[in-house]
PDB file of N, CA and C in Angstrom:
ATOM      1  N   UNK A   1       9.852  -1.134   0.687  1.00  0.00           N
ATOM      2  CA  UNK A   1       8.859   0.240   1.069  1.00  0.00           C
ATOM      3  C   UNK A   1       8.800  -0.379   2.626  1.00  0.00           C
ATOM      4  N   UNK A   2       8.918   1.219   3.164  1.00  0.00           N
ATOM      5  CA  UNK A   2       7.797   0.666   4.311  1.00  0.00           C
ATOM      6  C   UNK A   2       7.176   2.553   4.945  1.00  0.00           C
ATOM      7  N   UNK A   3       5.967   2.075   5.565  1.00  0.00           N
ATOM      8  CA  UNK A   3       5.147   2.615   6.187  1.00  0.00           C
ATOM      9  C   UNK A   3       5.476   2.620   6.986  1.00  0.00           C
ATOM     10  N   UNK A   4       5.119   3.861   7.649  1.00  0.00           N
ATOM     11  CA  UNK A   4       5.339   3.665   9.121  1.00  0.00           C
ATOM     12  C   UNK A   4       3.457   4.332   9.673  1.00  0.00           C
ATOM     13  N   UNK A   5       2.400   2.913  10.411  1.00  0.00           N
ATOM     14  CA  UNK A   5       2.248   2.795  11.196  1.00  0.00           C
ATOM     15  C   UNK A   5       0.235   4.132  10.572  1.00  0.00           C
ATOM     16  N   UNK A   6       1.293   5.239  11.636  1.00  0.00           N
ATOM     17  CA  UNK A   6       0.023   6.411  11.713  1.00  0.00           C
ATOM     18  C   UNK A   6       0.113   7.556  10.473  1.00  0.00           C
ATOM     19  N   UNK A   7       0.813   6.649   9.106  1.00  0.00           N
ATOM     20  CA  UNK A   7       0.939   7.603   8.139  1.00  0.00           C
ATOM     21  C   UNK A   7      -0.392   8.803   7.888  1.00  0.00           C
ATOM     22  N   UNK A   8      -0.819   9.750   7.404  1.00  0.00           N
ATOM     23  CA  UNK A   8      -2.703  10.134   7.008  1.00  0.00           C
ATOM     24  C   UNK A   8      -2.679   9.314   5.759  1.00  0.00           C
ATOM     25  N   UNK A   9      -3.829  10.408   5.432  1.00  0.00           N
ATOM     26  CA  UNK A   9      -3.923  10.025   4.099  1.00  0.00           C
ATOM     27  C   UNK A   9      -3.931  11.212   2.591  1.00  0.00           C
ATOM     28  N   UNK A  10      -3.692  10.295   1.820  1.00  0.00           N
ATOM     29  CA  UNK A  10      -2.912  10.809   0.658  1.00  0.00           C
ATOM     30  C   UNK A  10      -1.885  11.421   0.939  1.00  0.00           C
ATOM     31  N   UNK A  11      -0.773  10.744   2.032  1.00  0.00           N
ATOM     32  CA  UNK A  11      -0.069   9.975   2.252  1.00  0.00           C
ATOM     33  C   UNK A  11       1.345   9.717   0.799  1.00  0.00           C
ATOM     34  N   UNK A  12       2.171  10.843   0.528  1.00  0.00           N
ATOM     35  CA  UNK A  12       3.149  10.467  -0.838  1.00  0.00           C
ATOM     36  C   UNK A  12       3.823   9.028  -0.065  1.00  0.00           C
ATOM     37  N   UNK A  13       4.308   7.296  -0.636  1.00  0.00           N
ATOM     38  CA  UNK A  13       4.690   6.768  -0.559  1.00  0.00           C
ATOM     39  C   UNK A  13       6.211   6.600  -1.068  1.00  0.00           C
ATOM     40  N   UNK A  14       5.956   5.908  -2.583  1.00  0.00           N
ATOM     41  CA  UNK A  14       6.889   6.193  -2.915  1.00  0.00           C
ATOM     42  C   UNK A  14       7.219   6.721  -4.828  1.00  0.00           C
ATOM     43  N   UNK A  15       7.833   6.509  -6.165  1.00  0.00           N
ATOM     44  CA  UNK A  15       6.799   6.740  -6.966  1.00  0.00           C
ATOM     45  C   UNK A  15       8.279   5.647  -8.163  1.00  0.00           C
ATOM     46  N   UNK A  16       6.670   5.716  -8.816  1.00  0.00           N
ATOM     47  CA  UNK A  16       7.073   4.309  -9.661  1.00  0.00           C
ATOM     48  C   UNK A  16       7.817   5.276 -11.083  1.00  0.00           C
ATOM     49  N   UNK A  17       8.434   4.505 -11.659  1.00  0.00           N
ATOM     50  CA  UNK A  17       9.373   5.365 -12.736  1.00  0.00           C
ATOM     51  C   UNK A  17       9.325   4.598 -14.203  1.00  0.00           C
ATOM     52  N   UNK A  18       8.638   4.457 -15.308  1.00  0.00           N
ATOM     53  CA  UNK A  18       9.273   2.741 -16.376  1.00  0.00           C
ATOM     54  C   UNK A  18       9.526   4.134 -17.803  1.00  0.00           C
ATOM     55  N   UNK A  19      10.374   3.890 -18.897  1.00  0.00           N
ATOM     56  CA  UNK A  19      10.480   4.580 -19.993  1.00  0.00           C
ATOM     57  C   UNK A  19      10.351   3.745 -20.563  1.00  0.00           C
ATOM     58  N   UNK A  20      10.374   4.854 -22.200  1.00  0.00           N
ATOM     59  CA  UNK A  20       9.575   4.733 -23.556  1.00  0.00           C
ATOM     60  C   UNK A  20      10.053   5.084 -24.033  1.00  0.00           C
ATOM     61  N   UNK A  21      10.764   4.015 -24.792  1.00  0.00           N
ATOM     62  CA  UNK A  21      12.426   3.960 -25.645  1.00  0.00           C
ATOM     63  C   UNK A  21      11.872   5.205 -27.496  1.00  0.00           C
ATOM     64  N   UNK A  22       9.839   5.163 -27.213  1.00  0.00           N
ATOM     65  CA  UNK A  22       9.829   5.728 -28.500  1.00  0.00           C
ATOM     66  C   UNK A  22       9.932   7.697 -28.214  1.00  0.00           C
ATOM     67  N   UNK A  23      10.449   8.269 -28.954  1.00  0.00           N
ATOM     68  CA  UNK A  23      10.982   9.918 -28.351  1.00  0.00           C
ATOM     69  C   UNK A  23      10.210  10.933 -28.462  1.00  0.00           C
ATOM     70  N   UNK A  24       9.351  10.158 -28.688  1.00  0.00           N
ATOM     71  CA  UNK A  24       8.553  11.692 -28.632  1.00  0.00           C
ATOM     72  C   UNK A  24       6.512  11.868 -28.848  1.00  0.00           C
ATOM     73  N   UNK A  25       5.723  12.163 -27.829  1.00  0.00           N
ATOM     74  CA  UNK A  25       4.244  12.505 -28.655  1.00  0.00           C
ATOM     75  C   UNK A  25       3.882  11.680 -27.796  1.00  0.00           C
ATOM     76  N   UNK A  26       2.302  11.615 -28.185  1.00  0.00           N
ATOM     77  CA  UNK A  26       1.770  10.647 -27.235  1.00  0.00           C
ATOM     78  C   UNK A  26       2.259   8.910 -27.402  1.00  0.00           C
ATOM     79  N   UNK A  27       2.968   8.610 -28.132  1.00  0.00           N
ATOM     80  CA  UNK A  27       4.294   6.854 -28.290  1.00  0.00           C
ATOM     81  C   UNK A  27       4.866   6.855 -26.838  1.00  0.00           C
ATOM     82  N   UNK A  28       5.161   8.005 -26.594  1.00  0.00           N
ATOM     83  CA  UNK A  28       5.856   8.063 -25.515  1.00  0.00           C
ATOM     84  C   UNK A  28       5.441   8.480 -24.004  1.00  0.00           C
ATOM     85  N   UNK A  29       4.329   8.945 -24.040  1.00  0.00           N
ATOM     86  CA  UNK A  29       3.673   9.193 -23.454  1.00  0.00           C
ATOM     87  C   UNK A  29       3.038   8.567 -22.056  1.00  0.00           C
ATOM     88  N   UNK A  30       3.036   7.998 -20.986  1.00  0.00           N
ATOM     89  CA  UNK A  30       3.152   7.398 -19.495  1.00  0.00           C
ATOM     90  C   UNK A  30       2.484   7.312 -18.826  1.00  0.00           C
ATOM     91  N   UNK A  31       1.041   6.749 -18.824  1.00  0.00           N
ATOM     92  CA  UNK A  31      -0.177   6.456 -17.280  1.00  0.00           C
ATOM     93  C   UNK A  31      -0.099   5.678 -16.246  1.00  0.00           C
ATOM     94  N   UNK A  32       0.037   5.414 -14.875  1.00  0.00           N
ATOM     95  CA  UNK A  32       1.103   4.971 -14.165  1.00  0.00           C
ATOM     96  C   UNK A  32      -0.934   4.740 -13.771  1.00  0.00           C
ATOM     97  N   UNK A  33      -0.877   3.024 -13.588  1.00  0.00           N
ATOM     98  CA  UNK A  33      -2.320   3.174 -13.168  1.00  0.00           C
ATOM     99  C   UNK A  33      -2.191   1.309 -11.898  1.00  0.00           C
ATOM    100  N   UNK A  34      -2.645   1.264 -11.038  1.00  0.00           N
ATOM    101  CA  UNK A  34      -2.967   0.772 -10.088  1.00  0.00           C
ATOM    102  C   UNK A  34      -3.646  -0.639 -10.835  1.00  0.00           C
ATOM    103  N   UNK A  35      -3.322  -1.616 -10.774  1.00  0.00           N
ATOM    104  CA  UNK A  35      -4.288  -2.923 -11.184  1.00  0.00           C
ATOM    105  C   UNK A  35      -4.439  -4.071 -10.648  1.00  0.00           C
ATOM    106  N   UNK A  36      -3.944  -3.727  -8.921  1.00  0.00           N
ATOM    107  CA  UNK A  36      -4.189  -5.468  -8.291  1.00  0.00           C
ATOM    108  C   UNK A  36      -4.236  -4.317  -7.155  1.00  0.00           C
ATOM    109  N   UNK A  37      -4.569  -4.922  -4.945  1.00  0.00           N
ATOM    110  CA  UNK A  37      -4.178  -4.463  -4.694  1.00  0.00           C
ATOM    111  C   UNK A  37      -4.374  -5.688  -3.581  1.00  0.00           C
ATOM    112  N   UNK A  38      -3.196  -6.706  -3.151  1.00  0.00           N
ATOM    113  CA  UNK A  38      -3.603  -7.427  -2.461  1.00  0.00           C
ATOM    114  C   UNK A  38      -3.079  -7.810  -1.405  1.00  0.00           C
ATOM    115  N   UNK A  39      -3.466  -8.107   0.242  1.00  0.00           N
ATOM    116  CA  UNK A  39      -3.332  -7.805   1.230  1.00  0.00           C
ATOM    117  C   UNK A  39      -2.111  -8.566   1.746  1.00  0.00           C
ATOM    118  N   UNK A  40      -1.570  -9.271   2.824  1.00  0.00           N
ATOM    119  CA  UNK A  40      -0.787 -10.060   3.283  1.00  0.00           C
ATOM    120  C   UNK A  40      -0.495 -11.656   2.878  1.00  0.00           C
ATOM    121  N   UNK A  41      -2.508 -11.854   2.494  1.00  0.00           N
ATOM    122  CA  UNK A  41      -2.872 -13.037   2.703  1.00  0.00           C
ATOM    123  C   UNK A  41      -3.089 -13.335   1.386  1.00  0.00           C
ATOM    124  N   UNK A  42      -3.169 -13.102   0.466  1.00  0.00           N
ATOM    125  CA  UNK A  42      -3.667 -12.951  -0.620  1.00  0.00           C
ATOM    126  C   UNK A  42      -4.969 -12.725  -1.699  1.00  0.00           C
ATOM    127  N   UNK A  43      -5.999 -11.608  -0.477  1.00  0.00           N
ATOM    128  CA  UNK A  43      -6.977 -10.937   0.183  1.00  0.00           C
ATOM    129  C   UNK A  43      -6.922  -9.689  -0.892  1.00  0.00           C
ATOM    130  N   UNK A  44      -8.153  -9.224  -1.943  1.00  0.00           N
ATOM    131  CA  UNK A  44      -8.142  -7.818  -2.972  1.00  0.00           C
ATOM    132  C   UNK A  44      -8.321  -6.702  -1.881  1.00  0.00           C
ATOM    133  N   UNK A  45      -7.735  -6.077  -1.595  1.00  0.00           N
ATOM    134  CA  UNK A  45      -7.415  -4.744  -1.054  1.00  0.00           C
ATOM    135  C   UNK A  45      -7.390  -3.374  -2.162  1.00  0.00           C
ATOM    136  N   UNK A  46      -8.611  -4.051  -2.703  1.00  0.00           N
ATOM    137  CA  UNK A  46      -8.719  -2.304  -3.241  1.00  0.00           C
ATOM    138  C   UNK A  46      -9.215  -1.093  -2.722  1.00  0.00           C
ATOM    139  N   UNK A  47      -8.736  -0.101  -3.096  1.00  0.00           N
ATOM    140  CA  UNK A  47      -8.748   1.670  -2.361  1.00  0.00           C
ATOM    141  C   UNK A  47      -7.730   1.854  -1.280  1.00  0.00           C
ATOM    142  N   UNK A  48      -6.709   0.748  -1.210  1.00  0.00           N
ATOM    143  CA  UNK A  48      -6.340   1.374  -0.420  1.00  0.00           C
ATOM    144  C   UNK A  48      -4.743   2.674  -0.190  1.00  0.00           C
ATOM    145  N   UNK A  49      -4.050   1.976  -1.980  1.00  0.00           N
ATOM    146  CA  UNK A  49      -3.878   2.794  -2.372  1.00  0.00           C
ATOM    147  C   UNK A  49      -3.907   3.338  -3.759  1.00  0.00           C
ATOM    148  N   UNK A  50      -3.251   4.626  -4.471  1.00  0.00           N
ATOM    149  CA  UNK A  50      -3.982   4.930  -5.754  1.00  0.00           C
ATOM    150  C   UNK A  50      -2.478   5.515  -6.146  1.00  0.00           C
ATOM    151  N   UNK A  51      -2.981   5.636  -7.165  1.00  0.00           N
ATOM    152  CA  UNK A  51      -1.325   7.147  -7.887  1.00  0.00           C
ATOM    153  C   UNK A  51      -1.627   8.258  -8.630  1.00  0.00           C
ATOM    154  N   UNK A  52      -1.161   8.927  -8.277  1.00  0.00           N
ATOM    155  CA  UNK A  52      -2.068   9.736  -8.224  1.00  0.00           C
ATOM    156  C   UNK A  52      -0.977  11.840  -8.373  1.00  0.00           C
ATOM    157  N   UNK A  53      -1.201  12.820  -9.692  1.00  0.00           N
ATOM    158  CA  UNK A  53      -1.995  12.463 -10.332  1.00  0.00           C
ATOM    159  C   UNK A  53      -1.376  11.382 -11.006  1.00  0.00           C
ATOM    160  N   UNK A  54      -2.178  10.547 -12.672  1.00  0.00           N
ATOM    161  CA  UNK A  54      -1.590   9.199 -13.089  1.00  0.00           C
ATOM    162  C   UNK A  54      -0.245   9.511 -13.781  1.00  0.00           C
ATOM    163  N   UNK A  55      -0.642  10.545 -14.476  1.00  0.00           N
ATOM    164  CA  UNK A  55       1.820  10.815 -15.021  1.00  0.00           C
ATOM    165  C   UNK A  55       2.152  10.378 -14.473  1.00  0.00           C
ATOM    166  N   UNK A  56       2.805  10.922 -13.423  1.00  0.00           N
ATOM    167  CA  UNK A  56       3.358  10.898 -11.836  1.00  0.00           C
ATOM    168  C   UNK A  56       3.964  10.052 -11.338  1.00  0.00           C
ATOM    169  N   UNK A  57       3.054   8.717 -11.174  1.00  0.00           N
ATOM    170  CA  UNK A  57       3.861   7.563 -10.609  1.00  0.00           C
ATOM    171  C   UNK A  57       3.777   7.608  -9.458  1.00  0.00           C
ATOM    172  N   UNK A  58       3.248   8.010  -8.617  1.00  0.00           N
ATOM    173  CA  UNK A  58       3.112   8.404  -7.015  1.00  0.00           C
ATOM    174  C   UNK A  58       1.945   7.933  -6.001  1.00  0.00           C
ATOM    175  N   UNK A  59       2.569   7.464  -5.469  1.00  0.00           N
ATOM    176  CA  UNK A  59       1.687   6.298  -4.713  1.00  0.00           C
ATOM    177  C   UNK A  59       1.920   6.803  -4.003  1.00  0.00           C
ATOM    178  N   UNK A  60       0.160   6.429  -3.523  1.00  0.00           N
ATOM    179  CA  UNK A  60      -0.163   7.790  -2.130  1.00  0.00           C
ATOM    180  C   UNK A  60      -1.456   6.396  -1.200  1.00  0.00           C
ATOM    181  N   UNK A  61      -0.801   7.525  -0.256  1.00  0.00           N
ATOM    182  CA  UNK A  61      -2.652   6.545  -0.050  1.00  0.00           C
ATOM    183  C   UNK A  61      -3.764   6.793   0.878  1.00  0.00           C
ATOM    184  N   UNK A  62      -4.902   5.943   0.370  1.00  0.00           N
ATOM    185  CA  UNK A  62      -6.408   6.434   0.138  1.00  0.00           C
ATOM    186  C   UNK A  62      -6.764   6.806   1.318  1.00  0.00           C
ATOM    187  N   UNK A  63      -6.374   5.601   2.307  1.00  0.00           N
ATOM    188  CA  UNK A  63      -6.653   5.253   4.081  1.00  0.00           C
ATOM    189  C   UNK A  63      -5.775   5.593   4.969  1.00  0.00           C
ATOM    190  N   UNK A  64      -6.402   5.475   6.301  1.00  0.00           N
ATOM    191  CA  UNK A  64      -4.921   5.459   7.365  1.00  0.00           C
ATOM    192  C   UNK A  64      -4.747   4.015   6.368  1.00  0.00           C
ATOM    193  N   UNK A  65      -3.805   3.438   7.629  1.00  0.00           N
ATOM    194  CA  UNK A  65      -3.102   1.439   7.665  1.00  0.00           C
ATOM    195  C   UNK A  65      -2.889   1.682   8.689  1.00  0.00           C
ATOM    196  N   UNK A  66      -3.123   0.405   8.586  1.00  0.00           N
ATOM    197  CA  UNK A  66      -2.095  -0.492  10.436  1.00  0.00           C
ATOM    198  C   UNK A  66      -1.778  -1.668   9.590  1.00  0.00           C
ATOM    199  N   UNK A  67      -1.020  -1.318  10.875  1.00  0.00           N
ATOM    200  CA  UNK A  67      -0.048  -2.782  11.500  1.00  0.00           C
ATOM    201  C   UNK A  67      -1.046  -4.178  11.561  1.00  0.00           C
ATOM    202  N   UNK A  68      -1.356  -4.088  12.393  1.00  0.00           N
ATOM    203  CA  UNK A  68      -2.748  -4.423  13.510  1.00  0.00           C
ATOM    204  C   UNK A  68      -3.327  -5.519  12.529  1.00  0.00           C
ATOM    205  N   UNK A  69      -3.791  -4.159  11.667  1.00  0.00           N
ATOM    206  CA  UNK A  69      -5.150  -4.852  10.985  1.00  0.00           C
ATOM    207  C   UNK A  69      -4.587  -4.847   9.533  1.00  0.00           C
ATOM    208  N   UNK A  70      -3.899  -4.917   8.694  1.00  0.00           N
ATOM    209  CA  UNK A  70      -2.570  -5.658   7.710  1.00  0.00           C
ATOM    210  C   UNK A  70      -1.105  -5.281   7.899  1.00  0.00           C
ATOM    211  N   UNK A  71      -0.430  -5.969   8.049  1.00  0.00           N
ATOM    212  CA  UNK A  71       0.767  -6.293   7.868  1.00  0.00           C
ATOM    213  C   UNK A  71       1.692  -5.406   6.744  1.00  0.00           C
ATOM    214  N   UNK A  72       0.938  -6.227   5.908  1.00  0.00           N
ATOM    215  CA  UNK A  72       2.309  -6.297   4.183  1.00  0.00           C
ATOM    216  C   UNK A  72       0.601  -5.781   2.931  1.00  0.00           C
ATOM    217  N   UNK A  73       1.714  -5.514   2.571  1.00  0.00           N
ATOM    218  CA  UNK A  73       0.166  -5.689   0.890  1.00  0.00           C
ATOM    219  C   UNK A  73       1.491  -5.399  -0.942  1.00  0.00           C
ATOM    220  N   UNK A  74       0.573  -5.805  -1.672  1.00  0.00           N
ATOM    221  CA  UNK A  74       1.283  -6.067  -2.793  1.00  0.00           C
ATOM    222  C   UNK A  74       0.515  -5.876  -3.878  1.00  0.00           C
ATOM    223  N   UNK A  75       0.991  -4.449  -4.322  1.00  0.00           N
ATOM    224  CA  UNK A  75       0.626  -3.618  -5.880  1.00  0.00           C
ATOM    225  C   UNK A  75       0.864  -4.200  -6.857  1.00  0.00           C
ATOM    226  N   UNK A  76       0.281  -4.704  -7.409  1.00  0.00           N
ATOM    227  CA  UNK A  76       0.863  -4.572  -9.189  1.00  0.00           C
ATOM    228  C   UNK A  76       0.575  -2.961 -10.390  1.00  0.00           C
ATOM    229  N   UNK A  77       1.302  -2.459 -10.291  1.00  0.00           N
ATOM    230  CA  UNK A  77       1.075  -1.616 -11.105  1.00  0.00           C
ATOM    231  C   UNK A  77       1.769  -1.344 -12.592  1.00  0.00           C
ATOM    232  N   UNK A  78       0.532  -1.219 -13.479  1.00  0.00           N
ATOM    233  CA  UNK A  78       0.725  -0.941 -15.021  1.00  0.00           C
ATOM    234  C   UNK A  78       1.479   0.465 -15.480  1.00  0.00           C
ATOM    235  N   UNK A  79       2.297   0.828 -16.519  1.00  0.00           N
ATOM    236  CA  UNK A  79       2.843   1.704 -16.957  1.00  0.00           C
ATOM    237  C   UNK A  79       1.665   0.865 -18.294  1.00  0.00           C
ATOM    238  N   UNK A  80       1.153   2.285 -18.854  1.00  0.00           N
ATOM    239  CA  UNK A  80       1.023   2.026 -20.598  1.00  0.00           C
ATOM    240  C   UNK A  80       1.165   3.192 -20.911  1.00  0.00           C
ATOM    241  N   UNK A  81       0.988   3.325 -22.513  1.00  0.00           N
ATOM    242  CA  UNK A  81       1.653   4.589 -23.481  1.00  0.00           C
ATOM    243  C   UNK A  81      -0.001   4.599 -23.842  1.00  0.00           C
ATOM    244  N   UNK A  82       0.347   6.345 -24.204  1.00  0.00           N
ATOM    245  CA  UNK A  82      -1.048   6.230 -25.028  1.00  0.00           C
ATOM    246  C   UNK A  82      -0.099   6.655 -26.601  1.00  0.00           C
ATOM    247  N   UNK A  83       0.030   5.052 -27.287  1.00  0.00           N
ATOM    248  CA  UNK A  83       0.553   5.572 -28.908  1.00  0.00           C
ATOM    249  C   UNK A  83      -0.789   5.629 -30.101  1.00  0.00           C
ATOM    250  N   UNK A  84      -0.712   6.048 -30.284  1.00  0.00           N
ATOM    251  CA  UNK A  84      -1.574   6.052 -32.019  1.00  0.00           C
ATOM    252  C   UNK A  84      -1.884   5.472 -32.615  1.00  0.00           C
ATOM    253  N   UNK A  85      -0.639   3.801 -32.562  1.00  0.00           N
ATOM    254  CA  UNK A  85      -1.665   2.405 -33.429  1.00  0.00           C
ATOM    255  C   UNK A  85      -1.851   1.854 -33.299  1.00  0.00           C
ATOM    256  N   UNK A  86      -2.458   2.276 -31.236  1.00  0.00           N
ATOM    257  CA  UNK A  86      -2.453   0.922 -30.398  1.00  0.00           C
ATOM    258  C   UNK A  86      -1.538   0.531 -29.470  1.00  0.00           C
ATOM    259  N   UNK A  87      -2.229   1.268 -27.652  1.00  0.00           N
ATOM    260  CA  UNK A  87      -0.974   1.373 -27.141  1.00  0.00           C
ATOM    261  C   UNK A  87       0.123   0.329 -25.988  1.00  0.00           C
ATOM    262  N   UNK A  88       0.426   0.670 -25.772  1.00  0.00           N
ATOM    263  CA  UNK A  88       1.575  -0.781 -24.793  1.00  0.00           C
ATOM    264  C   UNK A  88       1.924  -0.580 -23.702  1.00  0.00           C
ATOM    265  N   UNK A  89       1.920  -1.676 -22.856  1.00  0.00           N
ATOM    266  CA  UNK A  89       1.996  -1.204 -21.380  1.00  0.00           C
ATOM    267  C   UNK A  89       3.300  -2.680 -20.891  1.00  0.00           C
ATOM    268  N   UNK A  90       3.474  -2.180 -19.668  1.00  0.00           N
ATOM    269  CA  UNK A  90       3.931  -3.102 -19.223  1.00  0.00           C
ATOM    270  C   UNK A  90       3.672  -3.394 -17.432  1.00  0.00           C
ATOM    271  N   UNK A  91       4.136  -4.297 -16.839  1.00  0.00           N
ATOM    272  CA  UNK A  91       3.630  -3.958 -15.187  1.00  0.00           C
ATOM    273  C   UNK A  91       4.623  -4.000 -14.212  1.00  0.00           C
ATOM    274  N   UNK A  92       4.387  -4.183 -12.959  1.00  0.00           N
ATOM    275  CA  UNK A  92       5.466  -4.373 -11.688  1.00  0.00           C
ATOM    276  C   UNK A  92       4.999  -4.260 -11.016  1.00  0.00           C
ATOM    277  N   UNK A  93       6.448  -5.492  -9.830  1.00  0.00           N
ATOM    278  CA  UNK A  93       5.332  -6.269  -8.217  1.00  0.00           C
ATOM    279  C   UNK A  93       5.829  -4.668  -6.912  1.00  0.00           C
ATOM    280  N   UNK A  94       5.046  -3.820  -6.777  1.00  0.00           N
ATOM    281  CA  UNK A  94       5.440  -3.085  -5.105  1.00  0.00           C
ATOM    282  C   UNK A  94       4.957  -3.881  -4.279  1.00  0.00           C
ATOM    283  N   UNK A  95       5.764  -3.775  -2.792  1.00  0.00           N
ATOM    284  CA  UNK A  95       5.100  -4.875  -2.030  1.00  0.00           C
ATOM    285  C   UNK A  95       5.516  -3.335  -1.249  1.00  0.00           C
ATOM    286  N   UNK A  96       5.206  -2.762   0.449  1.00  0.00           N
ATOM    287  CA  UNK A  96       4.914  -2.856   1.279  1.00  0.00           C
ATOM    288  C   UNK A  96       4.610  -2.816   1.792  1.00  0.00           C
ATOM    289  N   UNK A  97       5.166  -2.932   2.895  1.00  0.00           N
ATOM    290  CA  UNK A  97       5.369  -3.324   4.384  1.00  0.00           C
ATOM    291  C   UNK A  97       4.975  -2.370   5.878  1.00  0.00           C
ATOM    292  N   UNK A  98       4.885  -2.438   6.093  1.00  0.00           N
ATOM    293  CA  UNK A  98       3.848  -1.905   7.429  1.00  0.00           C
ATOM    294  C   UNK A  98       4.240  -1.860   8.145  1.00  0.00           C
ATOM    295  N   UNK A  99       4.990  -0.597   8.837  1.00  0.00           N
ATOM    296  CA  UNK A  99       5.770  -1.005  10.370  1.00  0.00           C
ATOM    297  C   UNK A  99       5.054  -0.940  11.763  1.00  0.00           C
ATOM    298  N   UNK A 100       5.283  -1.086  12.329  1.00  0.00           N
ATOM    299  CA  UNK A 100       4.600  -1.498  13.221  1.00  0.00           C
ATOM    300  C   UNK A 100       4.936  -0.159  14.767  1.00  0.00           C
ATOM    301  N   UNK A 101       4.179   0.743  15.664  1.00  0.00           N
ATOM    302  CA  UNK A 101       4.387   1.369  15.820  1.00  0.00           C
ATOM    303  C   UNK A 101       4.200   1.127  17.467  1.00  0.00           C
ATOM    304  N   UNK A 102       4.419   1.776  18.439  1.00  0.00           N
ATOM    305  CA  UNK A 102       4.041   1.488  19.487  1.00  0.00           C
ATOM    306  C   UNK A 102       3.294   2.130  19.659  1.00  0.00           C
ATOM    307  N   UNK A 103       2.042   1.899  19.498  1.00  0.00           N
ATOM    308  CA  UNK A 103       0.200   2.678  19.875  1.00  0.00           C
ATOM    309  C   UNK A 103      -0.565   2.034  20.995  1.00  0.00           C
ATOM    310  N   UNK A 104      -0.330   0.526  21.053  1.00  0.00           N
ATOM    311  CA  UNK A 104      -1.391  -0.044  22.099  1.00  0.00           C
ATOM    312  C   UNK A 104      -0.856  -0.443  23.344  1.00  0.00           C
ATOM    313  N   UNK A 105      -1.063   0.405  24.014  1.00  0.00           N
ATOM    314  CA  UNK A 105      -0.867   0.415  25.781  1.00  0.00           C
ATOM    315  C   UNK A 105      -1.143  -1.497  26.117  1.00  0.00           C
ATOM    316  N   UNK A 106      -0.301  -1.836  27.595  1.00  0.00           N
ATOM    317  CA  UNK A 106      -0.561  -3.339  27.721  1.00  0.00           C
ATOM    318  C   UNK A 106      -1.643  -3.420  29.308  1.00  0.00           C
ATOM    319  N   UNK A 107      -2.306  -4.597  28.551  1.00  0.00           N
ATOM    320  CA  UNK A 107      -3.898  -4.323  28.949  1.00  0.00           C
ATOM    321  C   UNK A 107      -3.655  -6.293  29.692  1.00  0.00           C
ATOM    322  N   UNK A 108      -4.616  -6.093  30.976  1.00  0.00           N
ATOM    323  CA  UNK A 108      -4.428  -7.075  31.597  1.00  0.00           C
ATOM    324  C   UNK A 108      -5.459  -7.934  31.625  1.00  0.00           C
ATOM    325  N   UNK A 109      -5.757  -9.631  31.263  1.00  0.00           N
ATOM    326  CA  UNK A 109      -6.550 -10.311  30.839  1.00  0.00           C
ATOM    327  C   UNK A 109      -8.100  -9.837  32.317  1.00  0.00           C
ATOM    328  N   UNK A 110      -9.608  -9.898  31.576  1.00  0.00           N
ATOM    329  CA  UNK A 110     -10.587 -10.162  32.939  1.00  0.00           C
ATOM    330  C   UNK A 110     -10.378 -10.927  33.223  1.00  0.00           C
ATOM    331  N   UNK A 111     -10.175 -11.353  34.760  1.00  0.00           N
ATOM    332  CA  UNK A 111      -9.376 -12.434  36.230  1.00  0.00           C
ATOM    333  C   UNK A 111     -10.927 -12.513  36.664  1.00  0.00           C
ATOM    334  N   UNK A 112     -10.956 -13.474  37.646  1.00  0.00           N
ATOM    335  CA  UNK A 112     -11.491 -14.068  37.994  1.00  0.00           C
ATOM    336  C   UNK A 112     -11.032 -13.277  39.923  1.00  0.00           C
ATOM    337  N   UNK A 113     -12.073 -13.388  40.900  1.00  0.00           N
ATOM    338  CA  UNK A 113     -11.721 -13.442  41.856  1.00  0.00           C
ATOM    339  C   UNK A 113     -11.062 -14.407  42.597  1.00  0.00           C
ATOM    340  N   UNK A 114     -10.027 -14.140  43.043  1.00  0.00           N
ATOM    341  CA  UNK A 114      -9.422 -15.522  43.998  1.00  0.00           C
ATOM    342  C   UNK A 114      -9.030 -15.263  45.623  1.00  0.00           C
ATOM    343  N   UNK A 115     -10.036 -16.278  46.197  1.00  0.00           N
ATOM    344  CA  UNK A 115     -10.201 -16.951  47.048  1.00  0.00           C
ATOM    345  C   UNK A 115      -9.349 -17.001  48.306  1.00  0.00           C
ATOM    346  N   UNK A 116      -9.146 -16.578  48.754  1.00  0.00           N
ATOM    347  CA  UNK A 116      -7.744 -17.056  50.448  1.00  0.00           C
ATOM    348  C   UNK A 116      -7.747 -17.692  51.218  1.00  0.00           C
ATOM    349  N   UNK A 117      -7.830 -18.239  52.238  1.00  0.00           N
ATOM    350  CA  UNK A 117      -7.632 -19.283  53.247  1.00  0.00           C
ATOM    351  C   UNK A 117      -7.336 -18.601  54.431  1.00  0.00           C
ATOM    352  N   UNK A 118      -7.326 -17.882  55.498  1.00  0.00           N
ATOM    353  CA  UNK A 118      -6.721 -17.235  56.317  1.00  0.00           C
ATOM    354  C   UNK A 118      -5.348 -18.237  57.113  1.00  0.00           C
ATOM    355  N   UNK A 119      -4.276 -17.920  57.090  1.00  0.00           N
ATOM    356  CA  UNK A 119      -3.339 -18.621  58.230  1.00  0.00           C
ATOM    357  C   UNK A 119      -3.810 -18.360  58.949  1.00  0.00           C
ATOM    358  N   UNK A 120      -2.871 -19.873  60.512  1.00  0.00           N
ATOM    359  CA  UNK A 120      -3.539 -19.855  61.322  1.00  0.00           C
ATOM    360  C   UNK A 120      -2.140 -19.631  61.921  1.00  0.00           C
TER     361      UNK A 120
END
């Protein structure tokens, strides 16, 4: 999954889906939840993405993402049923790679004046 750098908050990125062999009722009702978000260094990045609404599996941005800040994320998604005699769940991993845009101009480093002797 690829996301452009200037995506807006609450932008829908993708949708996860799971199936439940239970045919109907609460035993087959599935709710999705993000149980972990990590940056490309493995650091916790909670709050960057959300699943909204939870029954849809729609993964949305919760902040504006920027390649120069964090170029990739790993999300751990849980699908959980509403079982009458205890719920059951499974999980999957979603990797999101931010695509860099040309959003920064070239800059010259700070330089010192150069002194040059005149030629004779």
